[in-house]
Amino acid sequence: MPTSFTLNGQPVTLDVDPEMPLLWAIREKAELTGTKYGCGIAQCGACTVHIDGEAARACVTPVSAVAGAKITTIEGISGKTAEAVQASWQKLNVVQCGYCQSGQIMSAVALLTDKPKPNNDDIDAAMSGNICRCATYHRIREAIHDAATAL
């Protein structure tokens, strides 16, 4: 059954099972592979995208739930907040293996959009659902503070 939504600013219609997880529709049908599969149960955050501006786990979101929504993936993230986060990530060498980073960045951008000057508790709460197997949590927190200062 076809489902229509906006993906990175472009209208799309995907003819997929309505219960297919959004993650697989994005990766396999739309061929945008920046959003990663990690756990499949919304615990690791590697699949984080924005649905109507809110961070959400694509691995547990059925395509039917996003009909008419605006979906943004790491490939489509833009604007001052996204640019500040990406610049801080590079400046502070946050990335180690990189696998989780698209989800980390998507969560960080959502946080700074909602709360431009977060404290450590705000950052820890917003990022708690994002697991980094390389344990770069300290650099992630520093980069979020750096991006907030830049904004």
C-alpha atoms as a PDB file:
ATOM      1  CA  MET A   1       0.000   0.000   0.000  1.00  0.00           C
ATOM      2  CA  PRO A   2       1.519   3.367  -0.985  1.00  0.00           C
ATOM      3  CA  THR A   3       2.381   5.801   1.809  1.00  0.00           C
ATOM      4  CA  SER A   4       3.209   9.446   1.087  1.00  0.00           C
ATOM      5  CA  PHE A   5       5.306  11.767   3.226  1.00  0.00           C
ATOM      6  CA  THR A   6       8.020  14.371   2.879  1.00  0.00           C
ATOM      7  CA  LEU A   7      11.563  13.024   3.083  1.00  0.00           C
ATOM      8  CA  ASN A   8      14.352  15.578   3.424  1.00  0.00           C
ATOM      9  CA  GLY A   9      12.147  18.250   1.898  1.00  0.00           C
ATOM     10  CA  GLN A  10      10.980  16.168  -1.063  1.00  0.00           C
ATOM     11  CA  PRO A  11       7.570  14.527  -1.422  1.00  0.00           C
ATOM     12  CA  VAL A  12       7.840  10.750  -1.695  1.00  0.00           C
ATOM     13  CA  THR A  13       5.413   7.885  -2.048  1.00  0.00           C
ATOM     14  CA  LEU A  14       6.683   4.459  -1.133  1.00  0.00           C
ATOM     15  CA  ASP A  15       4.764   1.339  -2.045  1.00  0.00           C
ATOM     16  CA  VAL A  16       5.641  -0.794   0.966  1.00  0.00           C
ATOM     17  CA  ASP A  17       3.901  -2.823   3.641  1.00  0.00           C
ATOM     18  CA  PRO A  18       2.398  -0.231   6.010  1.00  0.00           C
ATOM     19  CA  GLU A  19       3.962  -2.073   8.955  1.00  0.00           C
ATOM     20  CA  MET A  20       7.486  -1.940   7.480  1.00  0.00           C
ATOM     21  CA  PRO A  21       9.733  -0.020   9.875  1.00  0.00           C
ATOM     22  CA  LEU A  22      10.532   3.460   8.595  1.00  0.00           C
ATOM     23  CA  LEU A  23      14.237   2.606   8.928  1.00  0.00           C
ATOM     24  CA  TRP A  24      14.031  -0.052   6.216  1.00  0.00           C
ATOM     25  CA  ALA A  25      11.867   2.100   3.971  1.00  0.00           C
ATOM     26  CA  ILE A  26      14.447   4.892   4.215  1.00  0.00           C
ATOM     27  CA  ARG A  27      17.454   2.625   3.699  1.00  0.00           C
ATOM     28  CA  GLU A  28      16.133   0.117   1.177  1.00  0.00           C
ATOM     29  CA  LYS A  29      13.450   1.960  -0.770  1.00  0.00           C
ATOM     30  CA  ALA A  30      14.636   5.580  -0.607  1.00  0.00           C
ATOM     31  CA  GLU A  31      18.296   4.424  -0.677  1.00  0.00           C
ATOM     32  CA  LEU A  32      19.416   6.807   2.080  1.00  0.00           C
ATOM     33  CA  THR A  33      21.845   4.781   4.160  1.00  0.00           C
ATOM     34  CA  GLY A  34      23.027   7.377   6.696  1.00  0.00           C
ATOM     35  CA  THR A  35      20.399   6.250   9.190  1.00  0.00           C
ATOM     36  CA  LYS A  36      21.808   3.095  10.758  1.00  0.00           C
ATOM     37  CA  TYR A  37      20.388  -0.138  12.118  1.00  0.00           C
ATOM     38  CA  GLY A  38      21.697  -0.927  15.579  1.00  0.00           C
ATOM     39  CA  CYS A  39      19.355  -2.898  17.787  1.00  0.00           C
ATOM     40  CA  GLY A  40      15.893  -2.914  16.201  1.00  0.00           C
ATOM     41  CA  ILE A  41      14.178  -2.214  19.545  1.00  0.00           C
ATOM     42  CA  ALA A  42      14.669   1.572  19.934  1.00  0.00           C
ATOM     43  CA  GLN A  43      17.349   1.216  22.589  1.00  0.00           C
ATOM     44  CA  CYS A  44      20.561   2.332  20.836  1.00  0.00           C
ATOM     45  CA  GLY A  45      19.572   5.466  18.894  1.00  0.00           C
ATOM     46  CA  ALA A  46      21.513   4.650  15.713  1.00  0.00           C
ATOM     47  CA  CYS A  47      18.284   4.942  13.706  1.00  0.00           C
ATOM     48  CA  THR A  48      17.276   8.382  15.007  1.00  0.00           C
ATOM     49  CA  VAL A  49      15.510  10.629  12.500  1.00  0.00           C
ATOM     50  CA  HIS A  50      13.298  13.680  12.916  1.00  0.00           C
ATOM     51  CA  ILE A  51       9.572  13.209  12.421  1.00  0.00           C
ATOM     52  CA  ASP A  52       7.905  16.602  12.201  1.00  0.00           C
ATOM     53  CA  GLY A  53      10.949  18.063  13.961  1.00  0.00           C
ATOM     54  CA  GLU A  54      11.062  15.596  16.864  1.00  0.00           C
ATOM     55  CA  ALA A  55      13.756  12.958  17.339  1.00  0.00           C
ATOM     56  CA  ALA A  56      12.284   9.482  16.830  1.00  0.00           C
ATOM     57  CA  ARG A  57      13.535   5.929  16.419  1.00  0.00           C
ATOM     58  CA  ALA A  58      12.935   4.776  12.854  1.00  0.00           C
ATOM     59  CA  CYS A  59      13.462   1.090  13.660  1.00  0.00           C
ATOM     60  CA  VAL A  60      10.179   0.852  15.576  1.00  0.00           C
ATOM     61  CA  THR A  61       8.120   3.415  13.667  1.00  0.00           C
ATOM     62  CA  PRO A  62       5.906   1.800  11.035  1.00  0.00           C
ATOM     63  CA  VAL A  63       5.695   3.595   7.692  1.00  0.00           C
ATOM     64  CA  SER A  64       1.927   3.899   8.212  1.00  0.00           C
ATOM     65  CA  ALA A  65       2.587   6.168  11.219  1.00  0.00           C
ATOM     66  CA  VAL A  66       4.377   8.777   9.101  1.00  0.00           C
ATOM     67  CA  ALA A  67       1.791   9.306   6.354  1.00  0.00           C
ATOM     68  CA  GLY A  68       1.762  13.039   5.651  1.00  0.00           C
ATOM     69  CA  ALA A  69       4.674  13.707   8.048  1.00  0.00           C
ATOM     70  CA  LYS A  70       7.937  15.521   7.425  1.00  0.00           C
ATOM     71  CA  ILE A  71      10.871  13.153   7.892  1.00  0.00           C
ATOM     72  CA  THR A  72      14.450  14.384   8.078  1.00  0.00           C
ATOM     73  CA  THR A  73      17.426  12.039   8.012  1.00  0.00           C
ATOM     74  CA  ILE A  74      21.109  12.806   8.529  1.00  0.00           C
ATOM     75  CA  GLU A  75      21.385  13.355   4.767  1.00  0.00           C
ATOM     76  CA  GLY A  76      18.761  16.121   4.916  1.00  0.00           C
ATOM     77  CA  ILE A  77      19.607  17.873   8.171  1.00  0.00           C
ATOM     78  CA  SER A  78      20.333  21.565   7.623  1.00  0.00           C
ATOM     79  CA  GLY A  79      20.138  24.976   9.211  1.00  0.00           C
ATOM     80  CA  LYS A  80      22.122  26.899  11.812  1.00  0.00           C
ATOM     81  CA  THR A  81      21.696  24.335  14.577  1.00  0.00           C
ATOM     82  CA  ALA A  82      22.713  21.406  12.389  1.00  0.00           C
ATOM     83  CA  GLU A  83      25.713  23.322  11.057  1.00  0.00           C
ATOM     84  CA  ALA A  84      26.816  24.262  14.600  1.00  0.00           C
ATOM     85  CA  VAL A  85      26.521  20.646  15.798  1.00  0.00           C
ATOM     86  CA  GLN A  86      28.410  19.255  12.804  1.00  0.00           C
ATOM     87  CA  ALA A  87      31.156  21.884  13.166  1.00  0.00           C
ATOM     88  CA  SER A  88      31.537  21.127  16.880  1.00  0.00           C
ATOM     89  CA  TRP A  89      31.640  17.390  16.177  1.00  0.00           C
ATOM     90  CA  GLN A  90      34.560  17.970  13.807  1.00  0.00           C
ATOM     91  CA  LYS A  91      36.309  20.568  15.964  1.00  0.00           C
ATOM     92  CA  LEU A  92      36.293  18.296  19.034  1.00  0.00           C
ATOM     93  CA  ASN A  93      36.971  15.036  17.134  1.00  0.00           C
ATOM     94  CA  VAL A  94      33.881  13.368  18.554  1.00  0.00           C
ATOM     95  CA  VAL A  95      33.771  10.524  16.052  1.00  0.00           C
ATOM     96  CA  GLN A  96      35.756   7.379  16.671  1.00  0.00           C
ATOM     97  CA  CYS A  97      34.275   4.471  14.687  1.00  0.00           C
ATOM     98  CA  GLY A  98      31.373   6.651  13.524  1.00  0.00           C
ATOM     99  CA  TYR A  99      28.603   4.068  13.413  1.00  0.00           C
ATOM    100  CA  CYS A 100      26.335   5.784  15.945  1.00  0.00           C
ATOM    101  CA  GLN A 101      27.110   9.336  14.936  1.00  0.00           C
ATOM    102  CA  SER A 102      24.189  10.015  12.610  1.00  0.00           C
ATOM    103  CA  GLY A 103      21.818   9.158  15.462  1.00  0.00           C
ATOM    104  CA  GLN A 104      23.894  11.150  17.950  1.00  0.00           C
ATOM    105  CA  ILE A 105      23.858  14.224  15.705  1.00  0.00           C
ATOM    106  CA  MET A 106      20.124  13.938  15.046  1.00  0.00           C
ATOM    107  CA  SER A 107      19.440  13.764  18.795  1.00  0.00           C
ATOM    108  CA  ALA A 108      21.806  16.664  19.524  1.00  0.00           C
ATOM    109  CA  VAL A 109      20.147  18.871  16.899  1.00  0.00           C
ATOM    110  CA  ALA A 110      16.693  18.070  18.317  1.00  0.00           C
ATOM    111  CA  LEU A 111      17.936  18.917  21.822  1.00  0.00           C
ATOM    112  CA  LEU A 112      19.441  22.261  20.808  1.00  0.00           C
ATOM    113  CA  THR A 113      16.361  23.155  18.788  1.00  0.00           C
ATOM    114  CA  ASP A 114      14.200  22.656  21.891  1.00  0.00           C
ATOM    115  CA  LYS A 115      16.708  23.919  24.460  1.00  0.00           C
ATOM    116  CA  PRO A 116      19.394  26.217  23.019  1.00  0.00           C
ATOM    117  CA  LYS A 117      21.427  26.402  26.260  1.00  0.00           C
ATOM    118  CA  PRO A 118      21.277  22.934  27.830  1.00  0.00           C
ATOM    119  CA  ASN A 119      23.087  22.015  31.029  1.00  0.00           C
ATOM    120  CA  ASN A 120      24.771  18.637  31.595  1.00  0.00           C
ATOM    121  CA  ASP A 121      21.585  17.089  32.985  1.00  0.00           C
ATOM    122  CA  ASP A 122      19.608  18.240  29.927  1.00  0.00           C
ATOM    123  CA  ILE A 123      22.231  16.765  27.612  1.00  0.00           C
ATOM    124  CA  ASP A 124      22.427  13.500  29.532  1.00  0.00           C
ATOM    125  CA  ALA A 125      18.633  13.141  29.472  1.00  0.00           C
ATOM    126  CA  ALA A 126      18.305  13.952  25.769  1.00  0.00           C
ATOM    127  CA  MET A 127      21.195  11.737  24.726  1.00  0.00           C
ATOM    128  CA  SER A 128      20.521   8.830  27.107  1.00  0.00           C
ATOM    129  CA  GLY A 129      18.891   6.743  24.388  1.00  0.00           C
ATOM    130  CA  ASN A 130      21.950   6.962  22.148  1.00  0.00           C
ATOM    131  CA  ILE A 131      24.620   4.331  22.719  1.00  0.00           C
ATOM    132  CA  CYS A 132      28.196   4.821  21.542  1.00  0.00           C
ATOM    133  CA  ARG A 133      30.172   1.596  21.542  1.00  0.00           C
ATOM    134  CA  CYS A 134      33.386   3.653  21.511  1.00  0.00           C
ATOM    135  CA  ALA A 135      32.246   5.572  24.615  1.00  0.00           C
ATOM    136  CA  THR A 136      32.817   9.077  23.264  1.00  0.00           C
ATOM    137  CA  TYR A 137      30.146  10.418  25.622  1.00  0.00           C
ATOM    138  CA  HIS A 138      32.439  13.043  27.162  1.00  0.00           C
ATOM    139  CA  ARG A 139      33.303  14.457  23.712  1.00  0.00           C
ATOM    140  CA  ILE A 140      29.648  14.339  22.658  1.00  0.00           C
ATOM    141  CA  ARG A 141      28.654  16.399  25.703  1.00  0.00           C
ATOM    142  CA  GLU A 142      31.480  18.877  25.080  1.00  0.00           C
ATOM    143  CA  ALA A 143      30.476  19.209  21.429  1.00  0.00           C
ATOM    144  CA  ILE A 144      26.866  19.935  22.362  1.00  0.00           C
ATOM    145  CA  HIS A 145      28.008  22.658  24.772  1.00  0.00           C
ATOM    146  CA  ASP A 146      30.327  24.025  22.073  1.00  0.00           C
ATOM    147  CA  ALA A 147      27.502  24.086  19.510  1.00  0.00           C
ATOM    148  CA  ALA A 148      25.204  25.816  22.006  1.00  0.00           C
ATOM    149  CA  THR A 149      27.860  28.484  22.578  1.00  0.00           C
ATOM    150  CA  ALA A 150      28.295  28.948  18.824  1.00  0.00           C
ATOM    151  CA  LEU A 151      24.564  29.476  18.415  1.00  0.00           C
END
